[in-house]
Amino acid sequence: MHAVIGAVDALDVPLLALLGSTEHYPRFVFVTSAEVGIQSPEAEWGNHFQIRTLSTHQTGTFRYATPFNDA
């Protein structure tokens, strides 16, 4: 996980998002999306939709890339 975080941050990606355990991912500084001003694409995901902000962090509504939305 640390390698992924470092690599993605080096690419100027504003954040990492995942849907996962609220007990496991906080150790990698992931927080609920609401804590950093990001709205989940699915409200029922609740606190399991988590964000790790990176150097170029922004706020707003999270959207998947087009190929994922078309699936």
PDB file of N, CA and C in Angstrom:
ATOM      1  N   MET A   1       0.824  -1.179   0.000  1.00  0.00           N
ATOM      2  CA  MET A   1       0.000   0.000   0.000  1.00  0.00           C
ATOM      3  C   MET A   1       0.874   1.250   0.000  1.00  0.00           C
ATOM      4  N   HIS A   2       1.965   1.236   0.755  1.00  0.00           N
ATOM      5  CA  HIS A   2       2.834   2.417   0.792  1.00  0.00           C
ATOM      6  C   HIS A   2       3.442   2.707  -0.579  1.00  0.00           C
ATOM      7  N   ALA A   3       3.800   1.666  -1.327  1.00  0.00           N
ATOM      8  CA  ALA A   3       4.358   1.859  -2.665  1.00  0.00           C
ATOM      9  C   ALA A   3       3.327   2.471  -3.603  1.00  0.00           C
ATOM     10  N   VAL A   4       2.097   2.025  -3.515  1.00  0.00           N
ATOM     11  CA  VAL A   4       1.026   2.578  -4.352  1.00  0.00           C
ATOM     12  C   VAL A   4       0.802   4.043  -4.012  1.00  0.00           C
ATOM     13  N   ILE A   5       0.717   4.354  -2.750  1.00  0.00           N
ATOM     14  CA  ILE A   5       0.497   5.742  -2.324  1.00  0.00           C
ATOM     15  C   ILE A   5       1.617   6.641  -2.839  1.00  0.00           C
ATOM     16  N   GLY A   6       2.863   6.213  -2.674  1.00  0.00           N
ATOM     17  CA  GLY A   6       3.998   7.011  -3.143  1.00  0.00           C
ATOM     18  C   GLY A   6       4.003   7.190  -4.650  1.00  0.00           C
ATOM     19  N   ALA A   7       3.723   6.122  -5.385  1.00  0.00           N
ATOM     20  CA  ALA A   7       3.724   6.193  -6.848  1.00  0.00           C
ATOM     21  C   ALA A   7       2.624   7.104  -7.364  1.00  0.00           C
ATOM     22  N   VAL A   8       1.442   6.982  -6.802  1.00  0.00           N
ATOM     23  CA  VAL A   8       0.318   7.798  -7.253  1.00  0.00           C
ATOM     24  C   VAL A   8       0.541   9.264  -6.892  1.00  0.00           C
ATOM     25  N   ASP A   9       1.082   9.532  -5.724  1.00  0.00           N
ATOM     26  CA  ASP A   9       1.363  10.912  -5.326  1.00  0.00           C
ATOM     27  C   ASP A   9       2.382  11.542  -6.267  1.00  0.00           C
ATOM     28  N   ALA A  10       3.356  10.771  -6.715  1.00  0.00           N
ATOM     29  CA  ALA A  10       4.374  11.287  -7.637  1.00  0.00           C
ATOM     30  C   ALA A  10       3.774  11.649  -9.000  1.00  0.00           C
ATOM     31  N   LEU A  11       2.624  11.099  -9.320  1.00  0.00           N
ATOM     32  CA  LEU A  11       1.946  11.395 -10.590  1.00  0.00           C
ATOM     33  C   LEU A  11       0.979  12.572 -10.478  1.00  0.00           C
ATOM     34  N   ASP A  12       1.003  13.270  -9.357  1.00  0.00           N
ATOM     35  CA  ASP A  12       0.137  14.431  -9.109  1.00  0.00           C
ATOM     36  C   ASP A  12      -1.349  14.085  -9.130  1.00  0.00           C
ATOM     37  N   VAL A  13      -1.679  12.876  -8.726  1.00  0.00           N
ATOM     38  CA  VAL A  13      -3.077  12.487  -8.554  1.00  0.00           C
ATOM     39  C   VAL A  13      -3.539  13.097  -7.232  1.00  0.00           C
ATOM     40  N   PRO A  14      -4.730  13.710  -7.187  1.00  0.00           N
ATOM     41  CA  PRO A  14      -5.138  14.414  -5.968  1.00  0.00           C
ATOM     42  C   PRO A  14      -5.518  13.513  -4.799  1.00  0.00           C
ATOM     43  N   LEU A  15      -5.963  12.287  -5.087  1.00  0.00           N
ATOM     44  CA  LEU A  15      -6.389  11.419  -3.988  1.00  0.00           C
ATOM     45  C   LEU A  15      -6.493   9.974  -4.450  1.00  0.00           C
ATOM     46  N   LEU A  16      -6.508   9.092  -3.482  1.00  0.00           N
ATOM     47  CA  LEU A  16      -6.828   7.688  -3.708  1.00  0.00           C
ATOM     48  C   LEU A  16      -8.161   7.426  -3.046  1.00  0.00           C
ATOM     49  N   ALA A  17      -9.020   6.676  -3.706  1.00  0.00           N
ATOM     50  CA  ALA A  17     -10.319   6.317  -3.143  1.00  0.00           C
ATOM     51  C   ALA A  17     -10.457   4.813  -3.169  1.00  0.00           C
ATOM     52  N   LEU A  18     -11.105   4.288  -2.146  1.00  0.00           N
ATOM     53  CA  LEU A  18     -11.354   2.854  -2.111  1.00  0.00           C
ATOM     54  C   LEU A  18     -12.606   2.558  -1.323  1.00  0.00           C
ATOM     55  N   LEU A  19     -13.113   1.386  -1.535  1.00  0.00           N
ATOM     56  CA  LEU A  19     -14.259   0.883  -0.797  1.00  0.00           C
ATOM     57  C   LEU A  19     -13.739  -0.287   0.015  1.00  0.00           C
ATOM     58  N   GLY A  20     -13.657  -0.098   1.326  1.00  0.00           N
ATOM     59  CA  GLY A  20     -13.043  -1.147   2.125  1.00  0.00           C
ATOM     60  C   GLY A  20     -13.279  -1.013   3.612  1.00  0.00           C
ATOM     61  N   SER A  21     -12.570  -1.835   4.334  1.00  0.00           N
ATOM     62  CA  SER A  21     -12.700  -1.952   5.778  1.00  0.00           C
ATOM     63  C   SER A  21     -12.350  -0.642   6.486  1.00  0.00           C
ATOM     64  N   THR A  22     -13.273  -0.217   7.360  1.00  0.00           N
ATOM     65  CA  THR A  22     -13.021   0.990   8.142  1.00  0.00           C
ATOM     66  C   THR A  22     -12.078   0.712   9.311  1.00  0.00           C
ATOM     67  N   GLU A  23     -11.734  -0.536   9.511  1.00  0.00           N
ATOM     68  CA  GLU A  23     -10.773  -0.891  10.558  1.00  0.00           C
ATOM     69  C   GLU A  23      -9.367  -1.060   9.999  1.00  0.00           C
ATOM     70  N   HIS A  24      -9.243  -1.442   8.735  1.00  0.00           N
ATOM     71  CA  HIS A  24      -7.937  -1.713   8.147  1.00  0.00           C
ATOM     72  C   HIS A  24      -7.274  -0.471   7.536  1.00  0.00           C
ATOM     73  N   TYR A  25      -7.995   0.263   6.714  1.00  0.00           N
ATOM     74  CA  TYR A  25      -7.374   1.326   5.914  1.00  0.00           C
ATOM     75  C   TYR A  25      -6.988   2.603   6.651  1.00  0.00           C
ATOM     76  N   PRO A  26      -7.567   2.932   7.802  1.00  0.00           N
ATOM     77  CA  PRO A  26      -7.081   4.116   8.510  1.00  0.00           C
ATOM     78  C   PRO A  26      -5.589   4.054   8.863  1.00  0.00           C
ATOM     79  N   ARG A  27      -5.031   2.865   8.971  1.00  0.00           N
ATOM     80  CA  ARG A  27      -3.579   2.778   9.248  1.00  0.00           C
ATOM     81  C   ARG A  27      -2.738   3.350   8.111  1.00  0.00           C
ATOM     82  N   PHE A  28      -3.358   3.503   6.921  1.00  0.00           N
ATOM     83  CA  PHE A  28      -2.685   4.108   5.771  1.00  0.00           C
ATOM     84  C   PHE A  28      -3.189   5.530   5.539  1.00  0.00           C
ATOM     85  N   VAL A  29      -3.791   6.123   6.563  1.00  0.00           N
ATOM     86  CA  VAL A  29      -4.294   7.496   6.578  1.00  0.00           C
ATOM     87  C   VAL A  29      -5.483   7.688   5.629  1.00  0.00           C
ATOM     88  N   PHE A  30      -6.274   6.654   5.429  1.00  0.00           N
ATOM     89  CA  PHE A  30      -7.537   6.796   4.719  1.00  0.00           C
ATOM     90  C   PHE A  30      -8.587   7.217   5.739  1.00  0.00           C
ATOM     91  N   VAL A  31      -9.475   8.120   5.311  1.00  0.00           N
ATOM     92  CA  VAL A  31     -10.564   8.600   6.154  1.00  0.00           C
ATOM     93  C   VAL A  31     -11.860   8.506   5.355  1.00  0.00           C
ATOM     94  N   THR A  32     -12.987   8.647   6.035  1.00  0.00           N
ATOM     95  CA  THR A  32     -14.245   8.642   5.297  1.00  0.00           C
ATOM     96  C   THR A  32     -14.238   9.817   4.315  1.00  0.00           C
ATOM     97  N   SER A  33     -14.871   9.602   3.181  1.00  0.00           N
ATOM     98  CA  SER A  33     -14.857  10.641   2.146  1.00  0.00           C
ATOM     99  C   SER A  33     -15.447  11.956   2.641  1.00  0.00           C
ATOM    100  N   ALA A  34     -16.460  11.881   3.485  1.00  0.00           N
ATOM    101  CA  ALA A  34     -17.098  13.100   4.004  1.00  0.00           C
ATOM    102  C   ALA A  34     -16.125  13.954   4.805  1.00  0.00           C
ATOM    103  N   GLU A  35     -15.163  13.327   5.462  1.00  0.00           N
ATOM    104  CA  GLU A  35     -14.195  14.080   6.271  1.00  0.00           C
ATOM    105  C   GLU A  35     -13.324  15.010   5.444  1.00  0.00           C
ATOM    106  N   VAL A  36     -13.180  14.736   4.152  1.00  0.00           N
ATOM    107  CA  VAL A  36     -12.339  15.583   3.300  1.00  0.00           C
ATOM    108  C   VAL A  36     -13.128  16.269   2.186  1.00  0.00           C
ATOM    109  N   GLY A  37     -14.467  16.294   2.348  1.00  0.00           N
ATOM    110  CA  GLY A  37     -15.294  17.039   1.401  1.00  0.00           C
ATOM    111  C   GLY A  37     -15.518  16.357   0.073  1.00  0.00           C
ATOM    112  N   ILE A  38     -15.456  15.037   0.035  1.00  0.00           N
ATOM    113  CA  ILE A  38     -15.700  14.283  -1.194  1.00  0.00           C
ATOM    114  C   ILE A  38     -16.999  13.502  -1.013  1.00  0.00           C
ATOM    115  N   GLN A  39     -17.895  13.609  -1.978  1.00  0.00           N
ATOM    116  CA  GLN A  39     -19.148  12.863  -1.931  1.00  0.00           C
ATOM    117  C   GLN A  39     -18.963  11.518  -2.616  1.00  0.00           C
ATOM    118  N   SER A  40     -19.435  10.477  -1.990  1.00  0.00           N
ATOM    119  CA  SER A  40     -19.375   9.131  -2.548  1.00  0.00           C
ATOM    120  C   SER A  40     -20.279   9.026  -3.769  1.00  0.00           C
ATOM    121  N   PRO A  41     -19.882   8.233  -4.777  1.00  0.00           N
ATOM    122  CA  PRO A  41     -20.769   8.037  -5.919  1.00  0.00           C
ATOM    123  C   PRO A  41     -22.002   7.205  -5.562  1.00  0.00           C
ATOM    124  N   GLU A  42     -21.958   6.478  -4.455  1.00  0.00           N
ATOM    125  CA  GLU A  42     -23.082   5.659  -3.992  1.00  0.00           C
ATOM    126  C   GLU A  42     -23.283   5.908  -2.500  1.00  0.00           C
ATOM    127  N   ALA A  43     -24.360   6.544  -2.135  1.00  0.00           N
ATOM    128  CA  ALA A  43     -24.603   6.910  -0.733  1.00  0.00           C
ATOM    129  C   ALA A  43     -24.612   5.711   0.204  1.00  0.00           C
ATOM    130  N   GLU A  44     -25.081   4.554  -0.260  1.00  0.00           N
ATOM    131  CA  GLU A  44     -25.165   3.382   0.609  1.00  0.00           C
ATOM    132  C   GLU A  44     -23.802   2.822   0.999  1.00  0.00           C
ATOM    133  N   TRP A  45     -22.745   3.268   0.374  1.00  0.00           N
ATOM    134  CA  TRP A  45     -21.408   2.823   0.766  1.00  0.00           C
ATOM    135  C   TRP A  45     -21.013   3.390   2.126  1.00  0.00           C
ATOM    136  N   GLY A  46     -21.616   4.494   2.504  1.00  0.00           N
ATOM    137  CA  GLY A  46     -21.374   5.081   3.820  1.00  0.00           C
ATOM    138  C   GLY A  46     -19.901   5.297   4.116  1.00  0.00           C
ATOM    139  N   ASN A  47     -19.487   4.951   5.324  1.00  0.00           N
ATOM    140  CA  ASN A  47     -18.109   5.167   5.771  1.00  0.00           C
ATOM    141  C   ASN A  47     -17.099   4.247   5.100  1.00  0.00           C
ATOM    142  N   HIS A  48     -17.570   3.252   4.354  1.00  0.00           N
ATOM    143  CA  HIS A  48     -16.646   2.336   3.697  1.00  0.00           C
ATOM    144  C   HIS A  48     -15.995   2.960   2.461  1.00  0.00           C
ATOM    145  N   PHE A  49     -16.575   4.041   1.943  1.00  0.00           N
ATOM    146  CA  PHE A  49     -15.934   4.773   0.844  1.00  0.00           C
ATOM    147  C   PHE A  49     -14.942   5.723   1.486  1.00  0.00           C
ATOM    148  N   GLN A  50     -13.657   5.427   1.295  1.00  0.00           N
ATOM    149  CA  GLN A  50     -12.597   6.140   2.007  1.00  0.00           C
ATOM    150  C   GLN A  50     -11.636   6.818   1.047  1.00  0.00           C
ATOM    151  N   ILE A  51     -11.031   7.874   1.536  1.00  0.00           N
ATOM    152  CA  ILE A  51     -10.147   8.723   0.741  1.00  0.00           C
ATOM    153  C   ILE A  51      -8.811   8.883   1.454  1.00  0.00           C
ATOM    154  N   ARG A  52      -7.760   8.889   0.669  1.00  0.00           N
ATOM    155  CA  ARG A  52      -6.426   9.282   1.159  1.00  0.00           C
ATOM    156  C   ARG A  52      -6.027  10.470   0.298  1.00  0.00           C
ATOM    157  N   THR A  53      -5.964  11.659   0.897  1.00  0.00           N
ATOM    158  CA  THR A  53      -5.590  12.843   0.129  1.00  0.00           C
ATOM    159  C   THR A  53      -4.094  12.818  -0.156  1.00  0.00           C
ATOM    160  N   LEU A  54      -3.742  13.384  -1.288  1.00  0.00           N
ATOM    161  CA  LEU A  54      -2.352  13.468  -1.706  1.00  0.00           C
ATOM    162  C   LEU A  54      -1.999  14.933  -1.941  1.00  0.00           C
ATOM    163  N   SER A  55      -0.868  15.201  -2.518  1.00  0.00           N
ATOM    164  CA  SER A  55      -0.347  16.570  -2.623  1.00  0.00           C
ATOM    165  C   SER A  55      -1.277  17.550  -3.326  1.00  0.00           C
ATOM    166  N   THR A  56      -1.993  17.112  -4.348  1.00  0.00           N
ATOM    167  CA  THR A  56      -2.838  18.024  -5.129  1.00  0.00           C
ATOM    168  C   THR A  56      -4.319  17.854  -4.816  1.00  0.00           C
ATOM    169  N   HIS A  57      -4.639  17.567  -3.556  1.00  0.00           N
ATOM    170  CA  HIS A  57      -6.015  17.308  -3.115  1.00  0.00           C
ATOM    171  C   HIS A  57      -6.983  18.422  -3.471  1.00  0.00           C
ATOM    172  N   GLN A  58      -8.207  18.009  -3.847  1.00  0.00           N
ATOM    173  CA  GLN A  58      -9.308  18.928  -4.139  1.00  0.00           C
ATOM    174  C   GLN A  58     -10.559  18.395  -3.466  1.00  0.00           C
ATOM    175  N   THR A  59     -11.611  19.192  -3.408  1.00  0.00           N
ATOM    176  CA  THR A  59     -12.896  18.711  -2.895  1.00  0.00           C
ATOM    177  C   THR A  59     -13.898  18.642  -4.033  1.00  0.00           C
ATOM    178  N   GLY A  60     -14.979  17.932  -3.827  1.00  0.00           N
ATOM    179  CA  GLY A  60     -16.018  17.814  -4.847  1.00  0.00           C
ATOM    180  C   GLY A  60     -16.657  16.442  -4.825  1.00  0.00           C
ATOM    181  N   THR A  61     -17.316  16.090  -5.917  1.00  0.00           N
ATOM    182  CA  THR A  61     -17.973  14.798  -6.042  1.00  0.00           C
ATOM    183  C   THR A  61     -17.037  13.832  -6.748  1.00  0.00           C
ATOM    184  N   PHE A  62     -16.866  12.660  -6.167  1.00  0.00           N
ATOM    185  CA  PHE A  62     -16.000  11.657  -6.780  1.00  0.00           C
ATOM    186  C   PHE A  62     -16.690  11.061  -7.996  1.00  0.00           C
ATOM    187  N   ARG A  63     -15.952  10.937  -9.079  1.00  0.00           N
ATOM    188  CA  ARG A  63     -16.477  10.301 -10.290  1.00  0.00           C
ATOM    189  C   ARG A  63     -15.425   9.337 -10.819  1.00  0.00           C
ATOM    190  N   TYR A  64     -15.895   8.169 -11.181  1.00  0.00           N
ATOM    191  CA  TYR A  64     -14.993   7.200 -11.824  1.00  0.00           C
ATOM    192  C   TYR A  64     -14.667   7.662 -13.228  1.00  0.00           C
ATOM    193  N   ALA A  65     -13.550   7.193 -13.753  1.00  0.00           N
ATOM    194  CA  ALA A  65     -13.191   7.462 -15.143  1.00  0.00           C
ATOM    195  C   ALA A  65     -14.261   6.856 -16.049  1.00  0.00           C
ATOM    196  N   THR A  66     -14.470   7.429 -17.223  1.00  0.00           N
ATOM    197  CA  THR A  66     -15.509   7.022 -18.146  1.00  0.00           C
ATOM    198  C   THR A  66     -15.564   5.511 -18.407  1.00  0.00           C
ATOM    199  N   PRO A  67     -14.437   4.840 -18.636  1.00  0.00           N
ATOM    200  CA  PRO A  67     -14.532   3.393 -18.907  1.00  0.00           C
ATOM    201  C   PRO A  67     -15.191   2.615 -17.750  1.00  0.00           C
ATOM    202  N   PHE A  68     -15.004   3.053 -16.521  1.00  0.00           N
ATOM    203  CA  PHE A  68     -15.618   2.364 -15.385  1.00  0.00           C
ATOM    204  C   PHE A  68     -17.119   2.655 -15.310  1.00  0.00           C
ATOM    205  N   ASN A  69     -17.515   3.848 -15.680  1.00  0.00           N
ATOM    206  CA  ASN A  69     -18.935   4.205 -15.652  1.00  0.00           C
ATOM    207  C   ASN A  69     -19.720   3.498 -16.755  1.00  0.00           C
ATOM    208  N   ASP A  70     -19.063   3.181 -17.871  1.00  0.00           N
ATOM    209  CA  ASP A  70     -19.731   2.537 -18.992  1.00  0.00           C
ATOM    210  C   ASP A  70     -19.904   1.031 -18.795  1.00  0.00           C
ATOM    211  N   ALA A  71     -19.260   0.478 -17.754  1.00  0.00           N
ATOM    212  CA  ALA A  71     -19.312  -0.982 -17.562  1.00  0.00           C
ATOM    213  C   ALA A  71     -20.639  -1.437 -17.029  1.00  0.00           C
TER     214      ALA A  71
END
